[in-house]
């Protein structure tokens, strides 16, 4: 449940970019991460994994941060 202010409204609301925009931008960002260009890869990385039942290969972009001197 979101935090509610005294006025009865949510203090923070979740918002997502439009799906069409994400389908356009995600392949571009993934390509930039793979090439290590443009500073995009400083805080982002790609996880490569294979589907358990399908056997398909997936590449999923995710954020990267340091915790106690290690990448987490």
PDB file of N, CA and C in Angstrom:
ATOM      1  N   UNK A   1       0.844  -1.181   0.000  1.00  0.00           N
ATOM      2  CA  UNK A   1       0.000   0.000   0.000  1.00  0.00           C
ATOM      3  C   UNK A   1       0.886   1.238   0.000  1.00  0.00           C
ATOM      4  N   UNK A   2       0.612   2.218  -0.860  1.00  0.00           N
ATOM      5  CA  UNK A   2       1.452   3.411  -0.919  1.00  0.00           C
ATOM      6  C   UNK A   2       1.266   4.285   0.306  1.00  0.00           C
ATOM      7  N   UNK A   3       2.275   5.064   0.601  1.00  0.00           N
ATOM      8  CA  UNK A   3       2.207   6.033   1.691  1.00  0.00           C
ATOM      9  C   UNK A   3       1.161   7.082   1.336  1.00  0.00           C
ATOM     10  N   UNK A   4       0.255   7.375   2.261  1.00  0.00           N
ATOM     11  CA  UNK A   4      -0.826   8.320   2.005  1.00  0.00           C
ATOM     12  C   UNK A   4      -0.608   9.564   2.846  1.00  0.00           C
ATOM     13  N   UNK A   5      -0.766  10.738   2.224  1.00  0.00           N
ATOM     14  CA  UNK A   5      -0.605  12.011   2.922  1.00  0.00           C
ATOM     15  C   UNK A   5      -1.863  12.344   3.710  1.00  0.00           C
ATOM     16  N   UNK A   6      -1.810  13.437   4.469  1.00  0.00           N
ATOM     17  CA  UNK A   6      -2.962  13.882   5.247  1.00  0.00           C
ATOM     18  C   UNK A   6      -4.150  14.219   4.361  1.00  0.00           C
ATOM     19  N   UNK A   7      -3.897  14.625   3.114  1.00  0.00           N
ATOM     20  CA  UNK A   7      -4.975  14.980   2.186  1.00  0.00           C
ATOM     21  C   UNK A   7      -5.632  13.738   1.590  1.00  0.00           C
ATOM     22  N   UNK A   8      -5.136  12.539   1.918  1.00  0.00           N
ATOM     23  CA  UNK A   8      -5.729  11.318   1.417  1.00  0.00           C
ATOM     24  C   UNK A   8      -5.220  10.887   0.053  1.00  0.00           C
ATOM     25  N   UNK A   9      -4.212  11.575  -0.466  1.00  0.00           N
ATOM     26  CA  UNK A   9      -3.641  11.226  -1.762  1.00  0.00           C
ATOM     27  C   UNK A   9      -2.325  10.476  -1.556  1.00  0.00           C
ATOM     28  N   UNK A  10      -1.988   9.629  -2.493  1.00  0.00           N
ATOM     29  CA  UNK A  10      -0.717   8.900  -2.425  1.00  0.00           C
ATOM     30  C   UNK A  10       0.436   9.875  -2.579  1.00  0.00           C
ATOM     31  N   UNK A  11       1.446   9.752  -1.717  1.00  0.00           N
ATOM     32  CA  UNK A  11       2.604  10.635  -1.767  1.00  0.00           C
ATOM     33  C   UNK A  11       3.485  10.319  -2.962  1.00  0.00           C
ATOM     34  N   UNK A  12       3.535   9.068  -3.340  1.00  0.00           N
ATOM     35  CA  UNK A  12       4.352   8.625  -4.462  1.00  0.00           C
ATOM     36  C   UNK A  12       3.482   7.736  -5.346  1.00  0.00           C
ATOM     37  N   UNK A  13       3.527   7.999  -6.626  1.00  0.00           N
ATOM     38  CA  UNK A  13       2.787   7.146  -7.551  1.00  0.00           C
ATOM     39  C   UNK A  13       3.767   6.510  -8.520  1.00  0.00           C
ATOM     40  N   UNK A  14       3.461   5.317  -8.939  1.00  0.00           N
ATOM     41  CA  UNK A  14       4.299   4.582  -9.877  1.00  0.00           C
ATOM     42  C   UNK A  14       3.888   4.971 -11.289  1.00  0.00           C
ATOM     43  N   UNK A  15       4.875   5.235 -12.123  1.00  0.00           N
ATOM     44  CA  UNK A  15       4.568   5.532 -13.527  1.00  0.00           C
ATOM     45  C   UNK A  15       5.575   4.819 -14.408  1.00  0.00           C
ATOM     46  N   UNK A  16       5.124   4.385 -15.556  1.00  0.00           N
ATOM     47  CA  UNK A  16       5.962   3.679 -16.508  1.00  0.00           C
ATOM     48  C   UNK A  16       5.886   4.388 -17.846  1.00  0.00           C
ATOM     49  N   UNK A  17       6.980   4.401 -18.601  1.00  0.00           N
ATOM     50  CA  UNK A  17       6.932   4.958 -19.953  1.00  0.00           C
ATOM     51  C   UNK A  17       5.993   4.132 -20.825  1.00  0.00           C
ATOM     52  N   UNK A  18       5.470   4.724 -21.887  1.00  0.00           N
ATOM     53  CA  UNK A  18       4.604   3.968 -22.796  1.00  0.00           C
ATOM     54  C   UNK A  18       5.332   2.753 -23.374  1.00  0.00           C
ATOM     55  N   UNK A  19       4.598   1.664 -23.578  1.00  0.00           N
ATOM     56  CA  UNK A  19       5.173   0.423 -24.081  1.00  0.00           C
ATOM     57  C   UNK A  19       5.852   0.586 -25.430  1.00  0.00           C
ATOM     58  N   UNK A  20       5.248   1.398 -26.318  1.00  0.00           N
ATOM     59  CA  UNK A  20       5.837   1.603 -27.648  1.00  0.00           C
ATOM     60  C   UNK A  20       7.213   2.265 -27.532  1.00  0.00           C
ATOM     61  N   UNK A  21       7.347   3.203 -26.607  1.00  0.00           N
ATOM     62  CA  UNK A  21       8.632   3.874 -26.404  1.00  0.00           C
ATOM     63  C   UNK A  21       9.670   2.888 -25.889  1.00  0.00           C
ATOM     64  N   UNK A  22       9.286   2.021 -24.958  1.00  0.00           N
ATOM     65  CA  UNK A  22      10.223   1.053 -24.411  1.00  0.00           C
ATOM     66  C   UNK A  22      10.671   0.053 -25.471  1.00  0.00           C
ATOM     67  N   UNK A  23       9.747  -0.385 -26.357  1.00  0.00           N
ATOM     68  CA  UNK A  23      10.125  -1.305 -27.428  1.00  0.00           C
ATOM     69  C   UNK A  23      11.097  -0.659 -28.404  1.00  0.00           C
ATOM     70  N   UNK A  24      11.041   0.657 -28.540  1.00  0.00           N
ATOM     71  CA  UNK A  24      11.955   1.373 -29.422  1.00  0.00           C
ATOM     72  C   UNK A  24      13.311   1.603 -28.751  1.00  0.00           C
ATOM     73  N   UNK A  25      13.293   2.006 -27.497  1.00  0.00           N
ATOM     74  CA  UNK A  25      14.517   2.422 -26.802  1.00  0.00           C
ATOM     75  C   UNK A  25      15.335   1.240 -26.292  1.00  0.00           C
ATOM     76  N   UNK A  26      14.687   0.172 -25.806  1.00  0.00           N
ATOM     77  CA  UNK A  26      15.423  -0.949 -25.203  1.00  0.00           C
ATOM     78  C   UNK A  26      16.483  -1.554 -26.118  1.00  0.00           C
ATOM     79  N   UNK A  27      16.200  -1.852 -27.387  1.00  0.00           N
ATOM     80  CA  UNK A  27      17.254  -2.418 -28.238  1.00  0.00           C
ATOM     81  C   UNK A  27      18.436  -1.458 -28.434  1.00  0.00           C
ATOM     82  N   UNK A  28      18.160  -0.178 -28.481  1.00  0.00           N
ATOM     83  CA  UNK A  28      19.228   0.813 -28.641  1.00  0.00           C
ATOM     84  C   UNK A  28      20.118   0.835 -27.404  1.00  0.00           C
ATOM     85  N   UNK A  29      19.497   0.859 -26.228  1.00  0.00           N
ATOM     86  CA  UNK A  29      20.266   0.883 -24.977  1.00  0.00           C
ATOM     87  C   UNK A  29      21.060  -0.414 -24.819  1.00  0.00           C
ATOM     88  N   UNK A  30      20.458  -1.550 -25.157  1.00  0.00           N
ATOM     89  CA  UNK A  30      21.190  -2.822 -25.068  1.00  0.00           C
ATOM     90  C   UNK A  30      22.413  -2.821 -25.971  1.00  0.00           C
ATOM     91  N   UNK A  31      22.279  -2.276 -27.172  1.00  0.00           N
ATOM     92  CA  UNK A  31      23.420  -2.203 -28.093  1.00  0.00           C
ATOM     93  C   UNK A  31      24.517  -1.312 -27.524  1.00  0.00           C
ATOM     94  N   UNK A  32      24.137  -0.187 -26.915  1.00  0.00           N
ATOM     95  CA  UNK A  32      25.124   0.716 -26.317  1.00  0.00           C
ATOM     96  C   UNK A  32      25.841   0.053 -25.146  1.00  0.00           C
ATOM     97  N   UNK A  33      25.112  -0.714 -24.343  1.00  0.00           N
ATOM     98  CA  UNK A  33      25.733  -1.417 -23.221  1.00  0.00           C
ATOM     99  C   UNK A  33      26.734  -2.447 -23.734  1.00  0.00           C
ATOM    100  N   UNK A  34      26.346  -3.206 -24.765  1.00  0.00           N
ATOM    101  CA  UNK A  34      27.247  -4.224 -25.324  1.00  0.00           C
ATOM    102  C   UNK A  34      28.539  -3.611 -25.839  1.00  0.00           C
ATOM    103  N   UNK A  35      28.425  -2.447 -26.455  1.00  0.00           N
ATOM    104  CA  UNK A  35      29.608  -1.792 -27.035  1.00  0.00           C
ATOM    105  C   UNK A  35      30.398  -0.997 -26.019  1.00  0.00           C
ATOM    106  N   UNK A  36      29.808  -0.724 -24.855  1.00  0.00           N
ATOM    107  CA  UNK A  36      30.501   0.058 -23.841  1.00  0.00           C
ATOM    108  C   UNK A  36      30.671   1.512 -24.241  1.00  0.00           C
ATOM    109  N   UNK A  37      29.686   2.040 -24.950  1.00  0.00           N
ATOM    110  CA  UNK A  37      29.769   3.413 -25.460  1.00  0.00           C
ATOM    111  C   UNK A  37      28.833   4.355 -24.728  1.00  0.00           C
ATOM    112  N   UNK A  38      29.192   5.616 -24.732  1.00  0.00           N
ATOM    113  CA  UNK A  38      28.300   6.669 -24.294  1.00  0.00           C
ATOM    114  C   UNK A  38      28.049   6.763 -22.801  1.00  0.00           C
ATOM    115  N   UNK A  39      28.824   6.063 -21.995  1.00  0.00           N
ATOM    116  CA  UNK A  39      28.626   6.135 -20.553  1.00  0.00           C
ATOM    117  C   UNK A  39      27.371   5.420 -20.075  1.00  0.00           C
ATOM    118  N   UNK A  40      26.642   4.790 -20.979  1.00  0.00           N
ATOM    119  CA  UNK A  40      25.419   4.094 -20.587  1.00  0.00           C
ATOM    120  C   UNK A  40      25.750   2.914 -19.688  1.00  0.00           C
ATOM    121  N   UNK A  41      26.827   2.219 -19.975  1.00  0.00           N
ATOM    122  CA  UNK A  41      27.183   1.009 -19.243  1.00  0.00           C
ATOM    123  C   UNK A  41      27.748   1.236 -17.863  1.00  0.00           C
ATOM    124  N   UNK A  42      27.944   2.478 -17.444  1.00  0.00           N
ATOM    125  CA  UNK A  42      28.490   2.734 -16.118  1.00  0.00           C
ATOM    126  C   UNK A  42      27.558   2.256 -15.017  1.00  0.00           C
ATOM    127  N   UNK A  43      26.255   2.416 -15.213  1.00  0.00           N
ATOM    128  CA  UNK A  43      25.287   2.026 -14.190  1.00  0.00           C
ATOM    129  C   UNK A  43      24.337   0.940 -14.657  1.00  0.00           C
ATOM    130  N   UNK A  44      24.552   0.428 -15.850  1.00  0.00           N
ATOM    131  CA  UNK A  44      23.679  -0.607 -16.394  1.00  0.00           C
ATOM    132  C   UNK A  44      24.491  -1.804 -16.839  1.00  0.00           C
ATOM    133  N   UNK A  45      23.854  -2.969 -16.851  1.00  0.00           N
ATOM    134  CA  UNK A  45      24.511  -4.165 -17.334  1.00  0.00           C
ATOM    135  C   UNK A  45      23.467  -5.094 -17.936  1.00  0.00           C
ATOM    136  N   UNK A  46      23.910  -6.055 -18.726  1.00  0.00           N
ATOM    137  CA  UNK A  46      23.017  -7.037 -19.319  1.00  0.00           C
ATOM    138  C   UNK A  46      23.184  -8.370 -18.610  1.00  0.00           C
ATOM    139  N   UNK A  47      22.074  -8.982 -18.266  1.00  0.00           N
ATOM    140  CA  UNK A  47      22.083 -10.334 -17.729  1.00  0.00           C
ATOM    141  C   UNK A  47      21.718 -11.270 -18.870  1.00  0.00           C
ATOM    142  N   UNK A  48      22.522 -12.289 -19.089  1.00  0.00           N
ATOM    143  CA  UNK A  48      22.267 -13.276 -20.133  1.00  0.00           C
ATOM    144  C   UNK A  48      21.837 -14.567 -19.445  1.00  0.00           C
ATOM    145  N   UNK A  49      20.707 -15.103 -19.855  1.00  0.00           N
ATOM    146  CA  UNK A  49      20.281 -16.372 -19.294  1.00  0.00           C
ATOM    147  C   UNK A  49      19.461 -17.145 -20.315  1.00  0.00           C
ATOM    148  N   UNK A  50      19.339 -18.434 -20.074  1.00  0.00           N
ATOM    149  CA  UNK A  50      18.601 -19.329 -20.960  1.00  0.00           C
ATOM    150  C   UNK A  50      17.328 -19.771 -20.263  1.00  0.00           C
ATOM    151  N   UNK A  51      16.213 -19.722 -20.992  1.00  0.00           N
ATOM    152  CA  UNK A  51      14.931 -20.135 -20.440  1.00  0.00           C
ATOM    153  C   UNK A  51      14.964 -21.585 -19.991  1.00  0.00           C
ATOM    154  N   UNK A  52      14.417 -21.825 -18.818  1.00  0.00           N
ATOM    155  CA  UNK A  52      14.475 -23.163 -18.220  1.00  0.00           C
ATOM    156  C   UNK A  52      13.765 -24.201 -19.068  1.00  0.00           C
ATOM    157  N   UNK A  53      12.579 -23.894 -19.565  1.00  0.00           N
ATOM    158  CA  UNK A  53      11.838 -24.882 -20.342  1.00  0.00           C
ATOM    159  C   UNK A  53      11.931 -24.654 -21.847  1.00  0.00           C
ATOM    160  N   UNK A  54      12.027 -23.382 -22.255  1.00  0.00           N
ATOM    161  CA  UNK A  54      12.050 -23.098 -23.692  1.00  0.00           C
ATOM    162  C   UNK A  54      13.430 -23.252 -24.305  1.00  0.00           C
ATOM    163  N   UNK A  55      14.483 -23.044 -23.510  1.00  0.00           N
ATOM    164  CA  UNK A  55      15.838 -23.091 -24.027  1.00  0.00           C
ATOM    165  C   UNK A  55      16.233 -21.836 -24.782  1.00  0.00           C
ATOM    166  N   UNK A  56      15.315 -20.858 -24.830  1.00  0.00           N
ATOM    167  CA  UNK A  56      15.617 -19.595 -25.505  1.00  0.00           C
ATOM    168  C   UNK A  56      16.606 -18.769 -24.696  1.00  0.00           C
ATOM    169  N   UNK A  57      17.425 -18.008 -25.394  1.00  0.00           N
ATOM    170  CA  UNK A  57      18.381 -17.125 -24.731  1.00  0.00           C
ATOM    171  C   UNK A  57      17.747 -15.752 -24.550  1.00  0.00           C
ATOM    172  N   UNK A  58      17.889 -15.193 -23.363  1.00  0.00           N
ATOM    173  CA  UNK A  58      17.352 -13.883 -23.048  1.00  0.00           C
ATOM    174  C   UNK A  58      18.483 -12.965 -22.614  1.00  0.00           C
ATOM    175  N   UNK A  59      18.389 -11.698 -22.989  1.00  0.00           N
ATOM    176  CA  UNK A  59      19.300 -10.650 -22.540  1.00  0.00           C
ATOM    177  C   UNK A  59      18.435  -9.578 -21.895  1.00  0.00           C
ATOM    178  N   UNK A  60      18.608  -9.374 -20.602  1.00  0.00           N
ATOM    179  CA  UNK A  60      17.764  -8.445 -19.872  1.00  0.00           C
ATOM    180  C   UNK A  60      18.630  -7.348 -19.265  1.00  0.00           C
ATOM    181  N   UNK A  61      18.280  -6.098 -19.520  1.00  0.00           N
ATOM    182  CA  UNK A  61      19.008  -4.978 -18.951  1.00  0.00           C
ATOM    183  C   UNK A  61      18.619  -4.760 -17.501  1.00  0.00           C
ATOM    184  N   UNK A  62      19.593  -4.403 -16.690  1.00  0.00           N
ATOM    185  CA  UNK A  62      19.329  -4.148 -15.280  1.00  0.00           C
ATOM    186  C   UNK A  62      20.283  -3.096 -14.756  1.00  0.00           C
ATOM    187  N   UNK A  63      19.940  -2.497 -13.632  1.00  0.00           N
ATOM    188  CA  UNK A  63      20.802  -1.500 -13.004  1.00  0.00           C
ATOM    189  C   UNK A  63      21.933  -2.166 -12.249  1.00  0.00           C
ATOM    190  N   UNK A  64      23.012  -1.438 -12.072  1.00  0.00           N
ATOM    191  CA  UNK A  64      24.175  -1.951 -11.355  1.00  0.00           C
ATOM    192  C   UNK A  64      24.543  -0.939 -10.287  1.00  0.00           C
ATOM    193  N   UNK A  65      24.887  -1.423  -9.117  1.00  0.00           N
ATOM    194  CA  UNK A  65      25.346  -0.537  -8.066  1.00  0.00           C
ATOM    195  C   UNK A  65      26.404  -1.235  -7.240  1.00  0.00           C
ATOM    196  N   UNK A  66      27.122  -0.455  -6.463  1.00  0.00           N
ATOM    197  CA  UNK A  66      28.174  -1.023  -5.624  1.00  0.00           C
ATOM    198  C   UNK A  66      27.666  -1.114  -4.192  1.00  0.00           C
ATOM    199  N   UNK A  67      27.946  -2.243  -3.579  1.00  0.00           N
ATOM    200  CA  UNK A  67      27.599  -2.449  -2.172  1.00  0.00           C
ATOM    201  C   UNK A  67      28.812  -3.002  -1.457  1.00  0.00           C
ATOM    202  N   UNK A  68      29.285  -2.298  -0.465  1.00  0.00           N
ATOM    203  CA  UNK A  68      30.465  -2.704   0.308  1.00  0.00           C
ATOM    204  C   UNK A  68      31.670  -2.954  -0.588  1.00  0.00           C
ATOM    205  N   UNK A  69      31.844  -2.091  -1.589  1.00  0.00           N
ATOM    206  CA  UNK A  69      33.000  -2.191  -2.465  1.00  0.00           C
ATOM    207  C   UNK A  69      32.876  -3.231  -3.565  1.00  0.00           C
ATOM    208  N   UNK A  70      31.731  -3.932  -3.627  1.00  0.00           N
ATOM    209  CA  UNK A  70      31.528  -4.971  -4.639  1.00  0.00           C
ATOM    210  C   UNK A  70      30.355  -4.567  -5.529  1.00  0.00           C
ATOM    211  N   UNK A  71      30.366  -5.093  -6.744  1.00  0.00           N
ATOM    212  CA  UNK A  71      29.205  -4.913  -7.602  1.00  0.00           C
ATOM    213  C   UNK A  71      28.088  -5.794  -7.112  1.00  0.00           C
ATOM    214  N   UNK A  72      26.888  -5.247  -7.069  1.00  0.00           N
ATOM    215  CA  UNK A  72      25.736  -6.035  -6.632  1.00  0.00           C
ATOM    216  C   UNK A  72      24.612  -5.907  -7.620  1.00  0.00           C
TER     217      UNK A  72
END
